[in-house]
Amino acid sequence: MELPVINRIIENLDMAFPETTAKFIDETLPLSEKTLDKTREQYDADTIMRLVHEYGEKEENWNKILGVVDVDVFSDELNFVFGKAECPGKAALISMWRLKPQFYGAQENLELFVDRGTKEAVHELGHTFGLKHCSNPFCVMYFSNSIFETDRKQSLFCNVCYMKIERLTHEEKGVDGAEEF
């Protein structure tokens, strides 16, 4: 994944979670053969999530960890997923594969790509704090079953989810310190 895209998503995460600190860790975890379903030609998001979680457990001072992959992923009975997260928990994963406009036959569009990546990162990290899916189709916590639903929703929490995330982040870290993920 290109560093400028990741850096822009990190900047946006800092805005979505203003009392936290997001940091980029320049390390690649190899995807093993056991993560690939050769029949589907997709990678198993649950297996990758376990790798991300195990990596995050090595660092005690990380409250959250977000893995970013550029491969097509699936989970359970779903044909594909844009991301996956422990709810609540420490680890989250997003796949940039189906967020690219080119995947849908459109021209490359960096702004749209970053916007989609941000929405999925905020959404999955929201789950790690304990947020469930929201019924508001414009809220970042709305479940996206297609790229059209991802494009429709905002990269921010609706008022209801915002109040919940404020309470959950304060409970998790205590009111005084900034949290790193």
Protein backbone atom coordinates (compact mmCIF):
# COMPACT_ATOMS: atom_id res chain seq x y z
CA MET A 1 0.00 0.00 0.00
CA GLU A 2 1.30 3.41 -0.89
CA LEU A 3 2.56 5.45 2.05
CA PRO A 4 0.80 8.72 1.01
CA VAL A 5 -2.57 6.91 1.15
CA ILE A 6 -1.80 5.45 4.57
CA ASN A 7 -0.59 8.82 5.87
CA ARG A 8 -3.80 10.50 4.73
CA ILE A 9 -5.89 7.82 6.44
CA ILE A 10 -3.87 8.32 9.64
CA GLU A 11 -4.54 12.07 9.50
CA ASN A 12 -8.24 11.35 9.10
CA LEU A 13 -8.19 8.88 12.01
CA ASP A 14 -6.74 11.61 14.21
CA MET A 15 -9.77 13.77 13.31
CA ALA A 16 -12.30 10.96 13.84
CA PHE A 17 -10.77 10.00 17.20
CA PRO A 18 -9.40 13.34 18.45
CA GLU A 19 -8.37 12.09 21.89
CA THR A 20 -6.23 9.30 20.45
CA THR A 21 -2.97 9.07 18.56
CA ALA A 22 -2.59 6.96 15.43
CA LYS A 23 0.88 5.83 14.42
CA PHE A 24 2.13 4.07 11.30
CA ILE A 25 4.26 1.00 11.95
CA ASP A 26 6.33 0.27 8.85
CA GLU A 27 6.34 -3.49 9.12
CA THR A 28 4.84 -6.06 6.79
CA LEU A 29 3.34 -9.29 8.08
CA PRO A 30 3.56 -11.95 5.38
CA LEU A 31 0.31 -13.60 4.34
CA SER A 32 0.89 -17.33 4.48
CA GLU A 33 -0.65 -19.95 2.23
CA LYS A 34 -3.11 -20.80 5.01
CA THR A 35 -4.72 -17.37 4.65
CA LEU A 36 -5.53 -17.94 0.95
CA ASP A 37 -8.60 -19.89 -0.15
CA LYS A 38 -7.44 -21.06 -3.56
CA THR A 39 -10.95 -22.02 -4.67
CA ARG A 40 -12.29 -18.53 -3.99
CA GLU A 41 -9.03 -16.77 -4.88
CA GLN A 42 -9.56 -14.66 -1.77
CA TYR A 43 -7.89 -14.39 1.61
CA ASP A 44 -9.59 -15.34 4.87
CA ALA A 45 -10.11 -12.18 6.92
CA ASP A 46 -10.52 -14.16 10.14
CA THR A 47 -7.11 -15.80 9.78
CA ILE A 48 -5.47 -12.48 8.93
CA MET A 49 -7.22 -10.89 11.92
CA ARG A 50 -5.62 -13.48 14.20
CA LEU A 51 -2.19 -12.54 12.80
CA VAL A 52 -2.90 -8.83 13.39
CA HIS A 53 -4.14 -9.53 16.92
CA GLU A 54 -1.06 -11.64 17.75
CA TYR A 55 1.20 -8.90 16.42
CA GLY A 56 -0.64 -6.27 18.48
CA GLU A 57 -0.34 -8.34 21.64
CA LYS A 58 3.46 -8.07 21.45
CA GLU A 59 3.21 -4.34 22.12
CA GLU A 60 1.68 -3.73 25.53
CA ASN A 61 1.33 0.03 25.05
CA TRP A 62 -0.92 -0.35 21.97
CA ASN A 63 -4.59 -0.30 22.85
CA LYS A 64 -5.71 -0.88 19.26
CA ILE A 65 -4.11 -2.16 16.08
CA LEU A 66 -5.37 -1.77 12.53
CA GLY A 67 -4.01 -4.06 9.86
CA VAL A 68 -4.22 -2.84 6.27
CA VAL A 69 -4.06 -5.31 3.38
CA ASP A 70 -4.26 -4.90 -0.37
CA VAL A 71 -5.82 -8.28 -1.16
CA ASP A 72 -9.42 -9.43 -1.60
CA VAL A 73 -10.79 -10.81 1.68
CA PHE A 74 -13.87 -12.75 2.76
CA SER A 75 -15.35 -13.77 6.09
CA ASP A 76 -17.78 -16.49 7.12
CA GLU A 77 -20.61 -16.72 4.59
CA LEU A 78 -19.96 -13.32 3.01
CA ASN A 79 -18.63 -13.11 -0.56
CA PHE A 80 -16.27 -10.33 0.50
CA VAL A 81 -15.69 -7.85 3.30
CA PHE A 82 -14.16 -4.41 3.33
CA GLY A 83 -12.93 -5.01 6.86
CA LYS A 84 -13.28 -6.97 10.06
CA ALA A 85 -12.80 -6.19 13.75
CA GLU A 86 -13.02 -7.61 17.24
CA CYS A 87 -16.06 -6.05 18.88
CA PRO A 88 -14.96 -4.98 21.41
CA GLY A 89 -11.31 -5.81 21.19
CA LYS A 90 -7.87 -4.77 20.13
CA ALA A 91 -7.52 -5.75 16.48
CA ALA A 92 -9.12 -4.54 13.28
CA LEU A 93 -8.41 -5.15 9.62
CA ILE A 94 -9.30 -3.31 6.43
CA SER A 95 -8.79 -4.41 2.85
CA MET A 96 -8.06 -1.72 0.30
CA TRP A 97 -8.64 -4.11 -2.62
CA ARG A 98 -12.33 -3.38 -3.28
CA LEU A 99 -12.04 0.26 -2.24
CA LYS A 100 -10.10 1.17 -5.38
CA PRO A 101 -12.25 2.86 -8.02
CA GLN A 102 -10.39 0.77 -10.64
CA PHE A 103 -11.89 -2.39 -9.12
CA TYR A 104 -15.27 -1.19 -10.41
CA GLY A 105 -13.97 -0.16 -13.82
CA ALA A 106 -13.60 3.55 -12.95
CA GLN A 107 -10.50 5.67 -13.35
CA GLU A 108 -8.02 5.97 -10.51
CA ASN A 109 -9.21 8.60 -8.02
CA LEU A 110 -6.90 9.18 -5.05
CA GLU A 111 -9.39 11.32 -3.09
CA LEU A 112 -12.16 8.73 -3.40
CA PHE A 113 -9.73 5.93 -2.50
CA VAL A 114 -8.53 7.75 0.65
CA ASP A 115 -12.14 8.60 1.59
CA ARG A 116 -13.21 4.97 1.31
CA GLY A 117 -10.14 3.78 3.24
CA THR A 118 -10.85 6.31 5.98
CA LYS A 119 -14.48 5.24 6.29
CA GLU A 120 -13.53 1.60 6.63
CA ALA A 121 -10.73 2.32 9.11
CA VAL A 122 -12.99 4.46 11.31
CA HIS A 123 -15.78 1.87 11.04
CA GLU A 124 -13.61 -1.09 12.04
CA LEU A 125 -11.85 0.81 14.85
CA GLY A 126 -15.30 1.88 16.07
CA HIS A 127 -16.08 -1.83 16.47
CA THR A 128 -12.92 -2.34 18.56
CA PHE A 129 -14.32 0.20 21.03
CA GLY A 130 -17.58 -1.76 21.17
CA LEU A 131 -19.77 0.09 18.68
CA LYS A 132 -22.25 -2.06 16.76
CA HIS A 133 -23.65 -1.35 13.30
CA CYS A 134 -25.86 1.74 13.08
CA SER A 135 -29.20 1.97 11.26
CA ASN A 136 -28.40 5.49 10.00
CA PRO A 137 -27.22 4.99 6.36
CA PHE A 138 -25.04 8.13 6.58
CA CYS A 139 -23.21 7.10 9.77
CA VAL A 140 -19.74 5.61 9.43
CA MET A 141 -20.93 2.67 11.54
CA TYR A 142 -23.56 1.67 8.97
CA PHE A 143 -22.90 -1.81 7.52
CA SER A 144 -21.74 -1.48 3.91
CA ASN A 145 -22.90 -4.37 1.79
CA SER A 146 -21.66 -2.64 -1.36
CA ILE A 147 -19.31 0.14 -2.39
CA PHE A 148 -22.35 2.32 -3.05
CA GLU A 149 -23.26 2.15 0.64
CA THR A 150 -19.67 2.96 1.57
CA ASP A 151 -19.75 5.98 -0.73
CA ARG A 152 -23.10 7.17 0.67
CA LYS A 153 -22.07 7.17 4.30
CA GLN A 154 -19.94 9.83 5.94
CA SER A 155 -16.52 9.26 7.51
CA LEU A 156 -17.87 10.51 10.84
CA PHE A 157 -20.15 9.11 13.52
CA CYS A 158 -23.80 10.13 13.66
CA ASN A 159 -24.83 11.93 16.88
CA VAL A 160 -25.92 8.70 18.59
CA CYS A 161 -22.71 6.82 17.74
CA TYR A 162 -20.60 9.89 18.54
CA MET A 163 -22.02 9.99 22.08
CA LYS A 164 -21.34 6.25 22.46
CA ILE A 165 -17.76 6.48 21.14
CA GLU A 166 -17.03 9.43 23.41
CA ARG A 167 -18.19 7.42 26.43
CA LEU A 168 -16.40 4.25 25.32
CA THR A 169 -13.06 5.94 24.61
CA HIS A 170 -13.16 7.73 27.95
CA GLU A 171 -13.99 4.48 29.76
CA GLU A 172 -11.23 2.58 28.00
CA LYS A 173 -8.39 5.02 28.59
CA GLY A 174 -9.53 7.06 31.52
CA VAL A 175 -10.27 10.74 31.03
CA ASP A 176 -6.71 12.01 31.41
CA GLY A 177 -4.44 10.45 28.79
CA ALA A 178 -4.28 10.11 25.05
CA GLU A 179 -4.61 6.66 23.65
CA GLU A 180 -2.44 5.15 20.94
CA PHE A 181 -3.64 2.73 18.34
